Protein backbone atom coordinates (compact mmCIF):
# COMPACT_ATOMS: atom_id res chain seq x y z
CA MET A 1 254.65 128.95 -17.14
CA ASP A 2 251.34 126.62 -15.57
CA LEU A 3 249.05 129.21 -13.96
CA ASP A 4 249.60 126.66 -10.77
CA LEU A 5 249.28 129.38 -8.24
CA ALA A 6 245.63 130.54 -9.56
CA GLY A 7 243.50 131.36 -6.53
CA LYS A 8 246.74 131.58 -4.18
CA VAL A 9 247.14 134.57 -1.96
CA ALA A 10 250.67 135.89 -0.75
CA VAL A 11 252.06 138.69 1.28
CA VAL A 12 255.14 139.58 0.34
CA ALA A 13 256.50 142.21 2.84
CA GLY A 14 259.41 144.46 2.11
CA ALA A 15 258.23 144.35 -2.10
CA THR A 16 259.37 147.37 -2.94
CA ARG A 17 262.59 146.28 -4.84
CA GLY A 18 265.28 143.51 -4.85
CA ALA A 19 264.54 140.49 -3.95
CA GLY A 20 260.64 140.49 -2.81
CA ARG A 21 260.22 142.80 -5.91
CA GLN A 22 260.54 139.36 -7.77
CA ILE A 23 259.33 136.98 -5.37
CA ALA A 24 256.25 138.93 -6.17
CA VAL A 25 256.51 139.46 -9.38
CA GLN A 26 257.20 135.33 -9.63
CA LEU A 27 254.66 134.17 -7.73
CA GLY A 28 252.31 136.90 -10.24
CA ALA A 29 254.10 134.72 -13.38
CA ARG A 30 252.16 131.71 -11.50
CA GLY A 31 248.94 133.00 -11.11
CA ALA A 32 249.24 134.51 -7.60
CA THR A 33 246.92 137.60 -6.33
CA VAL A 34 249.99 139.25 -4.42
CA TYR A 35 249.95 142.29 -1.63
CA ALA A 36 253.09 143.80 -2.39
CA THR A 37 253.63 145.54 0.77
CA GLY A 38 256.77 148.49 1.72
CA ARG A 39 256.70 151.74 2.57
CA SER A 40 257.99 153.47 -0.66
CA THR A 41 255.55 154.97 -2.80
CA ARG A 42 255.31 157.52 -5.48
CA GLY A 43 253.56 160.15 -3.45
CA GLN A 44 256.39 159.30 -0.56
CA ARG A 45 259.90 157.49 -0.14
CA SER A 46 260.90 155.67 2.96
CA GLU A 47 264.39 157.07 4.83
CA MET A 48 266.04 154.77 1.84
CA ASP A 49 265.43 157.84 -0.26
CA ARG A 50 265.19 155.46 -3.54
CA SER A 51 262.87 155.66 -6.50
CA GLU A 52 261.81 152.35 -6.57
CA THR A 53 257.75 152.01 -5.22
CA ILE A 54 255.26 149.19 -3.97
CA GLU A 55 253.27 151.08 -6.77
CA GLU A 56 255.62 149.73 -10.08
CA THR A 57 255.92 145.93 -8.21
CA ALA A 58 252.22 145.30 -8.22
CA GLU A 59 252.00 146.86 -11.60
CA LEU A 60 254.70 144.56 -12.31
CA VAL A 61 252.82 141.41 -10.77
CA THR A 62 249.42 142.10 -13.12
CA ALA A 63 252.03 142.86 -15.98
CA ALA A 64 253.27 139.06 -15.40
CA GLY A 65 249.91 137.46 -15.28
CA GLY A 66 248.87 137.77 -10.91
CA ARG A 67 246.92 140.50 -9.26
CA GLY A 68 249.44 142.71 -7.72
CA ILE A 69 247.91 144.84 -4.81
CA ALA A 70 250.45 147.73 -3.37
CA VAL A 71 249.76 148.45 0.67
CA GLN A 72 251.75 150.99 2.18
CA ILE A 73 253.59 149.81 5.28
CA ASP A 74 255.77 150.03 8.22
CA HIS A 75 256.40 147.01 8.95
CA LEU A 76 257.39 148.36 12.90
CA VAL A 77 253.98 149.13 13.17
CA ALA A 78 252.22 146.80 14.41
CA GLU A 79 248.70 148.12 13.65
CA GLN A 80 249.31 149.11 10.33
CA VAL A 81 250.43 145.11 9.65
CA ARG A 82 247.38 144.00 12.04
CA ALA A 83 245.14 146.59 9.29
CA LEU A 84 247.15 144.83 6.60
CA VAL A 85 246.01 141.13 7.98
CA GLU A 86 242.33 142.05 8.29
CA ARG A 87 241.86 143.69 4.83
CA ILE A 88 243.12 139.80 3.69
CA ASP A 89 240.97 138.46 5.35
CA ALA A 90 237.85 140.87 4.76
CA GLU A 91 239.23 140.57 0.98
CA GLN A 92 239.99 136.92 0.28
CA GLY A 93 239.52 134.99 3.18
CA CYS A 94 242.58 133.58 3.64
CA LEU A 95 246.54 133.40 3.50
CA ASP A 96 248.38 131.11 1.46
CA VAL A 97 251.78 132.35 1.48
CA LEU A 98 254.18 135.22 3.72
CA VAL A 99 257.42 136.01 2.73
CA ASN A 100 259.38 137.37 4.94
CA ASN A 101 261.30 140.11 3.05
CA ILE A 102 261.62 143.10 4.90
CA TRP A 103 265.42 144.56 5.37
CA GLY A 104 266.12 148.16 4.11
CA ALA A 105 269.54 148.38 6.29
CA GLU A 106 271.65 148.37 3.09
CA LEU A 107 272.73 152.12 4.14
CA LEU A 108 272.85 152.07 7.61
CA PHE A 109 275.24 148.95 8.55
CA SER A 110 279.13 149.45 8.23
CA TRP A 111 281.53 147.32 6.56
CA ASP A 112 284.56 147.72 8.79
CA GLN A 113 283.45 149.27 12.20
CA LYS A 114 283.68 147.01 14.83
CA LEU A 115 281.21 146.64 17.20
CA TRP A 116 282.52 149.21 19.99
CA GLU A 117 282.68 151.63 17.14
CA HIS A 118 279.53 151.46 15.51
CA SER A 119 276.88 153.87 16.38
CA LEU A 120 274.53 151.59 18.81
CA ASP A 121 271.83 153.06 17.84
CA THR A 122 271.99 152.78 13.80
CA GLY A 123 272.82 149.43 15.31
CA LEU A 124 269.51 148.66 17.20
CA HIS A 125 267.80 150.44 14.64
CA ILE A 126 269.03 148.08 11.95
CA LEU A 127 267.60 145.15 13.96
CA ARG A 128 264.70 146.22 14.46
CA LEU A 129 264.26 147.05 10.93
CA ALA A 130 265.18 143.24 9.86
CA VAL A 131 264.19 140.91 12.97
CA ASP A 132 261.58 142.97 14.50
CA THR A 133 259.29 143.43 11.41
CA HIS A 134 259.75 139.52 10.51
CA ILE A 135 258.41 138.98 14.04
CA ILE A 136 255.38 141.34 14.29
CA THR A 137 254.16 140.38 10.40
CA SER A 138 254.31 136.71 11.19
CA HIS A 139 252.62 137.16 14.67
CA PHE A 140 250.17 138.78 12.52
CA ALA A 141 249.53 137.22 9.46
CA LEU A 142 249.97 133.62 10.89
CA PRO A 143 246.67 132.72 12.92
CA LEU A 144 245.42 133.89 8.77
CA LEU A 145 247.87 131.76 7.24
CA ILE A 146 247.34 128.42 9.61
CA ARG A 147 243.55 128.51 8.76
CA ARG A 148 243.55 126.09 5.97
CA PRO A 149 246.68 123.54 5.57
CA GLY A 150 249.14 124.47 3.06
CA GLY A 151 250.86 127.41 4.41
CA LEU A 152 253.72 128.62 3.62
CA VAL A 153 256.35 131.24 5.63
CA VAL A 154 259.33 132.18 3.56
CA GLU A 155 261.59 133.92 5.61
CA MET A 156 264.60 135.59 3.35
CA THR A 157 268.14 135.73 4.92
CA ASP A 158 271.56 136.24 3.37
CA GLY A 159 273.73 132.93 3.26
CA THR A 160 273.09 129.19 4.40
CA ALA A 161 273.14 127.93 8.11
CA GLU A 162 275.93 125.93 6.74
CA TYR A 163 277.97 128.37 5.60
CA ASN A 164 276.70 131.30 7.87
CA ARG A 165 277.48 128.93 10.91
CA THR A 166 281.49 129.35 9.95
CA ASN A 167 281.96 132.14 8.59
CA TYR A 168 281.80 136.10 9.69
CA ARG A 169 279.34 137.92 7.68
CA VAL A 170 280.50 141.31 7.63
CA SER A 171 280.07 142.95 10.67
CA PHE A 172 278.63 142.03 13.79
CA PHE A 173 274.74 143.64 13.18
CA TYR A 174 275.22 142.23 9.65
CA ASP A 175 275.75 139.17 10.77
CA LEU A 176 273.52 138.74 14.05
CA THR A 177 270.43 139.89 11.92
CA LYS A 178 270.93 137.13 8.77
CA THR A 179 271.53 134.49 11.53
CA SER A 180 268.40 135.27 13.83
CA VAL A 181 266.69 135.30 10.73
CA LEU A 182 267.73 131.70 10.01
CA ARG A 183 266.15 130.86 13.94
CA MET A 184 263.08 132.47 13.02
CA ALA A 185 262.35 130.03 10.29
CA PHE A 186 263.55 127.18 12.10
CA ALA A 187 261.61 128.56 15.32
CA GLN A 188 258.44 129.17 12.98
CA ALA A 189 258.26 125.25 11.64
CA GLN A 190 258.43 123.95 14.80
CA GLU A 191 255.22 126.03 15.93
CA LEU A 192 253.58 125.73 12.03
CA ALA A 193 253.88 121.74 11.46
CA ALA A 194 251.05 120.46 13.74
CA PHE A 195 248.80 122.96 11.59
CA GLY A 196 249.87 121.29 7.84
CA ALA A 197 252.10 125.07 7.45
CA THR A 198 255.90 125.21 6.70
CA ALA A 199 258.45 127.48 6.99
CA VAL A 200 261.73 127.69 5.27
CA ALA A 201 264.41 130.41 5.20
CA LEU A 202 265.67 131.35 1.76
CA THR A 203 268.47 133.10 0.19
CA PRO A 204 269.92 133.88 -2.99
CA GLY A 205 273.29 134.30 -4.38
CA TRP A 206 275.00 137.32 -4.89
CA MET A 207 272.23 139.25 -6.51
CA ARG A 208 272.18 141.52 -8.53
CA SER A 209 270.13 144.06 -6.91
CA GLU A 210 269.18 147.44 -7.97
CA ILE A 211 271.69 148.90 -5.37
CA MET A 212 274.84 146.02 -6.57
CA LEU A 213 274.67 147.27 -9.93
CA GLU A 214 274.63 150.64 -9.02
CA HIS A 215 277.46 150.12 -7.29
CA PHE A 216 278.82 148.49 -9.70
CA GLY A 217 277.89 151.16 -12.61
CA VAL A 218 276.04 148.79 -14.92
CA THR A 219 272.61 147.75 -15.50
CA GLU A 220 271.32 144.43 -15.83
CA ALA A 221 271.94 144.36 -19.91
CA ASN A 222 275.75 145.18 -19.31
CA TRP A 223 276.16 143.32 -15.71
CA TYR A 224 279.02 141.30 -16.94
CA ASP A 225 281.10 143.96 -17.75
CA ALA A 226 281.77 144.58 -13.63
CA THR A 227 284.09 140.98 -13.78
CA ALA A 228 286.42 143.47 -15.16
CA THR A 229 286.86 144.83 -11.40
CA GLU A 230 285.32 141.73 -9.42
CA PRO A 231 286.37 138.45 -11.20
CA HIS A 232 284.13 136.38 -9.13
CA PHE A 233 280.94 138.54 -9.90
CA ALA A 234 280.03 136.04 -12.77
CA ILE A 235 278.70 133.70 -10.20
CA SER A 236 276.05 136.88 -9.72
CA GLU A 237 272.05 135.93 -10.09
CA SER A 238 269.17 138.02 -10.50
CA PRO A 239 266.88 138.58 -8.73
CA ALA A 240 264.27 136.49 -10.59
CA PHE A 241 266.11 133.38 -9.79
CA VAL A 242 264.91 133.95 -6.09
CA GLY A 243 261.64 135.07 -7.03
CA ARG A 244 262.20 131.82 -8.80
CA ALA A 245 262.47 130.02 -6.33
CA ALA A 246 260.26 131.36 -3.89
CA ALA A 247 257.29 130.43 -6.58
CA ALA A 248 258.75 126.89 -6.95
CA LEU A 249 258.29 126.69 -3.39
CA ALA A 250 254.66 128.32 -3.20
CA ALA A 251 253.37 125.96 -6.28
CA ASP A 252 255.26 122.47 -4.53
CA PRO A 253 252.06 120.41 -2.81
CA ASP A 254 255.06 118.93 -1.11
CA VAL A 255 256.41 121.76 0.27
CA ALA A 256 256.50 120.28 3.68
CA ARG A 257 259.34 118.06 2.85
CA TRP A 258 261.49 121.06 3.42
CA ASN A 259 260.01 121.75 6.77
CA GLY A 260 262.65 123.82 9.30
CA GLN A 261 265.67 124.11 6.55
CA SER A 262 267.64 126.64 5.48
CA LEU A 263 267.77 126.98 1.15
CA SER A 264 269.46 128.22 -1.45
CA SER A 265 267.71 129.63 -4.80
CA GLY A 266 271.16 127.21 -6.54
CA GLN A 267 269.97 124.57 -4.75
CA LEU A 268 266.27 124.51 -5.40
CA ALA A 269 266.44 125.21 -8.86
CA GLN A 270 268.60 121.77 -9.35
CA VAL A 271 265.67 120.35 -7.58
CA TYR A 272 262.62 122.08 -9.49
CA GLY A 273 264.03 122.56 -12.55
CA PHE A 274 263.94 126.59 -12.80
CA THR A 275 266.65 129.32 -14.12
CA ASP A 276 267.56 132.11 -14.25
CA LEU A 277 266.69 135.08 -16.95
CA ASP A 278 269.91 133.85 -19.19
CA GLY A 279 268.65 129.79 -18.87
CA SER A 280 271.76 129.36 -16.24
CA ARG A 281 271.47 127.91 -13.06
CA PRO A 282 274.52 129.39 -10.49
CA ASP A 283 274.80 127.99 -7.38
CA CYS A 284 276.56 130.77 -5.60
CA TRP A 285 277.21 129.59 -2.30
CA ARG A 286 279.13 126.16 -3.25
CA TYR A 287 281.17 128.68 -5.91
CA VAL A 288 281.96 130.65 -2.67
CA VAL A 289 283.07 128.10 -0.43
CA GLU A 290 284.95 125.93 -3.32
CA VAL A 291 286.15 128.76 -5.49
CA GLN A 292 285.47 132.59 -3.43
CA ASP A 293 286.74 131.27 0.05
CA ALA A 294 289.03 129.22 -1.50
CA GLY A 295 291.19 131.09 -3.07
CA LYS A 296 291.10 130.42 -6.59
CA PRO A 297 291.06 132.64 -9.88
CA ALA A 298 287.50 133.03 -10.93
CA ASP A 299 286.19 129.99 -13.05
CA VAL A 300 282.35 129.50 -12.58
CA THR A 301 282.20 126.11 -15.33
CA GLY A 302 280.01 123.73 -13.22
CA TYR A 303 278.20 126.85 -10.54
CA ARG A 304 275.60 128.01 -13.78
């Protein structure tokens, strides 16, 4: 792969694991300098209490061909985010790509409780983790990003605008956070266009994150074994797939054509020609509508 992002500077906010980690790595694979932020370090775990760290992510970015810089940040703390942007300005003098991937609520939302049954404190904390963090980060980062034309903001969510518009996503707080991020991408696009910058929303398909693999008791090497219990898992994709989608957007000189749009990894693979690690191009959201939600037997023929 060409190092077509050499000289570009990116922030992946929420890069400890999952999509954020692989977005950082794939940006690095194309030569970018990537500030990988998150709360979990080798010396201190976040409330999620998992083993993945931002130092590991930064090392993977460097190993892939870029320059990874790990920065421990709680994106709910405005002064920490301000300090990050000031540091990038001092060290690089510019910011080309901002990826708002902060989430951290995988263990907090309920799959089956109604709004009035769900812990209100926990629900409001989910909103803080998944919405306020994005707003705080953009507030401080955008003035640096628009300093020169061509900047890109990628708001990471779950589900396309089209799908989420007519489908209830799991539970009240999960649904609200994911649709809110879609609208934040649209709103930022309206404000950034005059400065030659672009904002989009991006969703993976059914992503094989570390937590998802653990849930099914498999690894990335034998993930297909999970289809024995969940046949539709056959459409799943590695985090590298959406990472390559984000990197393709960052390297596209005509990325402004996407401004304000809701995009998916499967959709962009058809446009930019990248593949998942196994060489396939899973088109998850089309599959979900036409096969899974339609009640048809699992069959990925024509979908990956």
